[in-house]
Amino acid sequence: MKEQSFEDEVMRILEETPSARKALLENHENLLRVADYCCSNYLQAGDGSLKALEETKNFTTQSLASVAYQISSLAGSVLSLLDAQTNQLRHMESSINLIGQVS
């Protein structure tokens, strides 16, 4: 990969960061609403508390899967960013070493 493509990769990831952060915040808000709903639903269920509990388990499973996916995606982006920056540093080091040899 050339220096420009390293820079492009870093810029792409940094541009995506605000939207990824926003998605996490929205997911957090949604999870709070789901938790409130589940709590209220369970308290109002009376004899149907077993059904409410099963519904809560389903929501929990879906929510955890969603959060795990988002975290995995963000972790992949962070790793890509670190790789691109490492490559940029290697390229700079190589250039500095070349300049040092010429001097």
C-alpha atoms as a PDB file:
ATOM      1  CA  MET A   1       0.000   0.000   0.000  1.00  0.00           C
ATOM      2  CA  LYS A   2       1.318   3.446  -0.831  1.00  0.00           C
ATOM      3  CA  GLU A   3       1.450   6.419   1.496  1.00  0.00           C
ATOM      4  CA  GLN A   4      -1.593   8.064  -0.103  1.00  0.00           C
ATOM      5  CA  SER A   5      -3.703   4.947   0.342  1.00  0.00           C
ATOM      6  CA  PHE A   6      -2.636   4.796   4.017  1.00  0.00           C
ATOM      7  CA  GLU A   7      -3.769   8.379   4.449  1.00  0.00           C
ATOM      8  CA  ASP A   8      -7.015   7.676   2.605  1.00  0.00           C
ATOM      9  CA  GLU A   9      -7.722   4.699   4.865  1.00  0.00           C
ATOM     10  CA  VAL A  10      -7.075   6.754   8.003  1.00  0.00           C
ATOM     11  CA  MET A  11      -9.283   9.588   6.755  1.00  0.00           C
ATOM     12  CA  ARG A  12     -12.083   7.189   5.793  1.00  0.00           C
ATOM     13  CA  ILE A  13     -12.102   5.612   9.236  1.00  0.00           C
ATOM     14  CA  LEU A  14     -11.973   8.972  11.001  1.00  0.00           C
ATOM     15  CA  GLU A  15     -14.886  10.214   8.880  1.00  0.00           C
ATOM     16  CA  GLU A  16     -16.963   7.155   9.812  1.00  0.00           C
ATOM     17  CA  THR A  17     -16.290   7.537  13.532  1.00  0.00           C
ATOM     18  CA  PRO A  18     -18.975  10.153  14.334  1.00  0.00           C
ATOM     19  CA  SER A  19     -21.737   8.112  12.693  1.00  0.00           C
ATOM     20  CA  ALA A  20     -20.579   4.951  14.474  1.00  0.00           C
ATOM     21  CA  ARG A  21     -20.600   6.816  17.783  1.00  0.00           C
ATOM     22  CA  LYS A  22     -24.074   8.157  17.039  1.00  0.00           C
ATOM     23  CA  ALA A  23     -25.299   4.633  16.280  1.00  0.00           C
ATOM     24  CA  LEU A  24     -23.948   3.415  19.625  1.00  0.00           C
ATOM     25  CA  LEU A  25     -25.675   6.255  21.464  1.00  0.00           C
ATOM     26  CA  GLU A  26     -28.948   5.519  19.669  1.00  0.00           C
ATOM     27  CA  ASN A  27     -28.579   1.856  20.535  1.00  0.00           C
ATOM     28  CA  HIS A  28     -28.033   2.818  24.169  1.00  0.00           C
ATOM     29  CA  GLU A  29     -31.221   4.894  24.177  1.00  0.00           C
ATOM     30  CA  ASN A  30     -33.153   2.063  22.531  1.00  0.00           C
ATOM     31  CA  LEU A  31     -31.864  -0.416  25.098  1.00  0.00           C
ATOM     32  CA  LEU A  32     -33.032   1.847  27.911  1.00  0.00           C
ATOM     33  CA  ARG A  33     -36.502   2.025  26.347  1.00  0.00           C
ATOM     34  CA  VAL A  34     -36.590  -1.756  25.927  1.00  0.00           C
ATOM     35  CA  ALA A  35     -35.540  -2.210  29.559  1.00  0.00           C
ATOM     36  CA  ASP A  36     -38.290   0.157  30.722  1.00  0.00           C
ATOM     37  CA  TYR A  37     -40.836  -1.663  28.569  1.00  0.00           C
ATOM     38  CA  CYS A  38     -39.772  -5.080  29.850  1.00  0.00           C
ATOM     39  CA  CYS A  39     -39.895  -3.944  33.466  1.00  0.00           C
ATOM     40  CA  SER A  40     -43.312  -2.369  33.036  1.00  0.00           C
ATOM     41  CA  ASN A  41     -44.598  -5.340  31.061  1.00  0.00           C
ATOM     42  CA  TYR A  42     -43.439  -7.787  33.719  1.00  0.00           C
ATOM     43  CA  LEU A  43     -44.965  -5.772  36.551  1.00  0.00           C
ATOM     44  CA  GLN A  44     -48.303  -5.528  34.732  1.00  0.00           C
ATOM     45  CA  ALA A  45     -48.325  -9.152  33.569  1.00  0.00           C
ATOM     46  CA  GLY A  46     -49.813 -10.633  36.712  1.00  0.00           C
ATOM     47  CA  ASP A  47     -50.570 -14.277  35.891  1.00  0.00           C
ATOM     48  CA  GLY A  48     -48.859 -13.878  32.507  1.00  0.00           C
ATOM     49  CA  SER A  49     -45.501 -13.142  34.093  1.00  0.00           C
ATOM     50  CA  LEU A  50     -43.960 -16.241  32.510  1.00  0.00           C
ATOM     51  CA  LYS A  51     -44.862 -14.921  29.050  1.00  0.00           C
ATOM     52  CA  ALA A  52     -43.464 -11.500  29.972  1.00  0.00           C
ATOM     53  CA  LEU A  53     -40.275 -13.155  31.202  1.00  0.00           C
ATOM     54  CA  GLU A  54     -39.877 -15.058  27.920  1.00  0.00           C
ATOM     55  CA  GLU A  55     -40.430 -11.848  25.966  1.00  0.00           C
ATOM     56  CA  THR A  56     -37.789 -10.149  28.106  1.00  0.00           C
ATOM     57  CA  LYS A  57     -35.354 -12.992  27.410  1.00  0.00           C
ATOM     58  CA  ASN A  58     -35.949 -12.605  23.672  1.00  0.00           C
ATOM     59  CA  PHE A  59     -35.394  -8.845  23.803  1.00  0.00           C
ATOM     60  CA  THR A  60     -32.244  -9.387  25.854  1.00  0.00           C
ATOM     61  CA  THR A  61     -30.851 -11.893  23.374  1.00  0.00           C
ATOM     62  CA  GLN A  62     -31.557  -9.599  20.415  1.00  0.00           C
ATOM     63  CA  SER A  63     -30.113  -6.587  22.217  1.00  0.00           C
ATOM     64  CA  LEU A  64     -26.918  -8.369  23.205  1.00  0.00           C
ATOM     65  CA  ALA A  65     -26.440  -9.608  19.652  1.00  0.00           C
ATOM     66  CA  SER A  66     -26.900  -6.082  18.327  1.00  0.00           C
ATOM     67  CA  VAL A  67     -24.434  -4.593  20.801  1.00  0.00           C
ATOM     68  CA  ALA A  68     -21.899  -7.350  20.123  1.00  0.00           C
ATOM     69  CA  TYR A  69     -22.162  -6.712  16.380  1.00  0.00           C
ATOM     70  CA  GLN A  70     -21.668  -2.963  16.794  1.00  0.00           C
ATOM     71  CA  ILE A  71     -18.692  -3.425  19.092  1.00  0.00           C
ATOM     72  CA  SER A  72     -17.161  -5.946  16.710  1.00  0.00           C
ATOM     73  CA  SER A  73     -17.579  -3.537  13.792  1.00  0.00           C
ATOM     74  CA  LEU A  74     -16.028  -0.679  15.732  1.00  0.00           C
ATOM     75  CA  ALA A  75     -13.173  -2.870  16.934  1.00  0.00           C
ATOM     76  CA  GLY A  76     -12.478  -3.842  13.332  1.00  0.00           C
ATOM     77  CA  SER A  77     -12.389  -0.175  12.361  1.00  0.00           C
ATOM     78  CA  VAL A  78     -10.011   0.648  15.205  1.00  0.00           C
ATOM     79  CA  LEU A  79      -7.715  -2.206  14.167  1.00  0.00           C
ATOM     80  CA  SER A  80      -7.775  -0.991  10.560  1.00  0.00           C
ATOM     81  CA  LEU A  81      -6.960   2.518  11.737  1.00  0.00           C
ATOM     82  CA  LEU A  82      -4.054   1.276  13.833  1.00  0.00           C
ATOM     83  CA  ASP A  83      -2.756  -0.836  10.937  1.00  0.00           C
ATOM     84  CA  ALA A  84      -2.940   2.105   8.543  1.00  0.00           C
ATOM     85  CA  GLN A  85      -1.184   4.387  11.014  1.00  0.00           C
ATOM     86  CA  THR A  86       1.480   1.754  11.641  1.00  0.00           C
ATOM     87  CA  ASN A  87       2.064   1.524   7.905  1.00  0.00           C
ATOM     88  CA  GLN A  88       2.298   5.314   7.692  1.00  0.00           C
ATOM     89  CA  LEU A  89       4.910   5.309  10.453  1.00  0.00           C
ATOM     90  CA  ARG A  90       6.887   2.549   8.729  1.00  0.00           C
ATOM     91  CA  HIS A  91       6.837   4.527   5.505  1.00  0.00           C
ATOM     92  CA  MET A  92       8.018   7.651   7.326  1.00  0.00           C
ATOM     93  CA  GLU A  93      10.739   5.669   9.097  1.00  0.00           C
ATOM     94  CA  SER A  94      11.885   4.276   5.775  1.00  0.00           C
ATOM     95  CA  SER A  95      12.001   7.770   4.279  1.00  0.00           C
ATOM     96  CA  ILE A  96      13.964   9.101   7.253  1.00  0.00           C
ATOM     97  CA  ASN A  97      16.429   6.218   7.035  1.00  0.00           C
ATOM     98  CA  LEU A  98      16.870   6.887   3.324  1.00  0.00           C
ATOM     99  CA  ILE A  99      17.505  10.580   3.981  1.00  0.00           C
ATOM    100  CA  GLY A 100      20.005   9.616   6.692  1.00  0.00           C
ATOM    101  CA  GLN A 101      21.887   7.384   4.267  1.00  0.00           C
ATOM    102  CA  VAL A 102      22.054  10.105   1.613  1.00  0.00           C
ATOM    103  CA  SER A 103      23.393  12.729   4.031  1.00  0.00           C
END
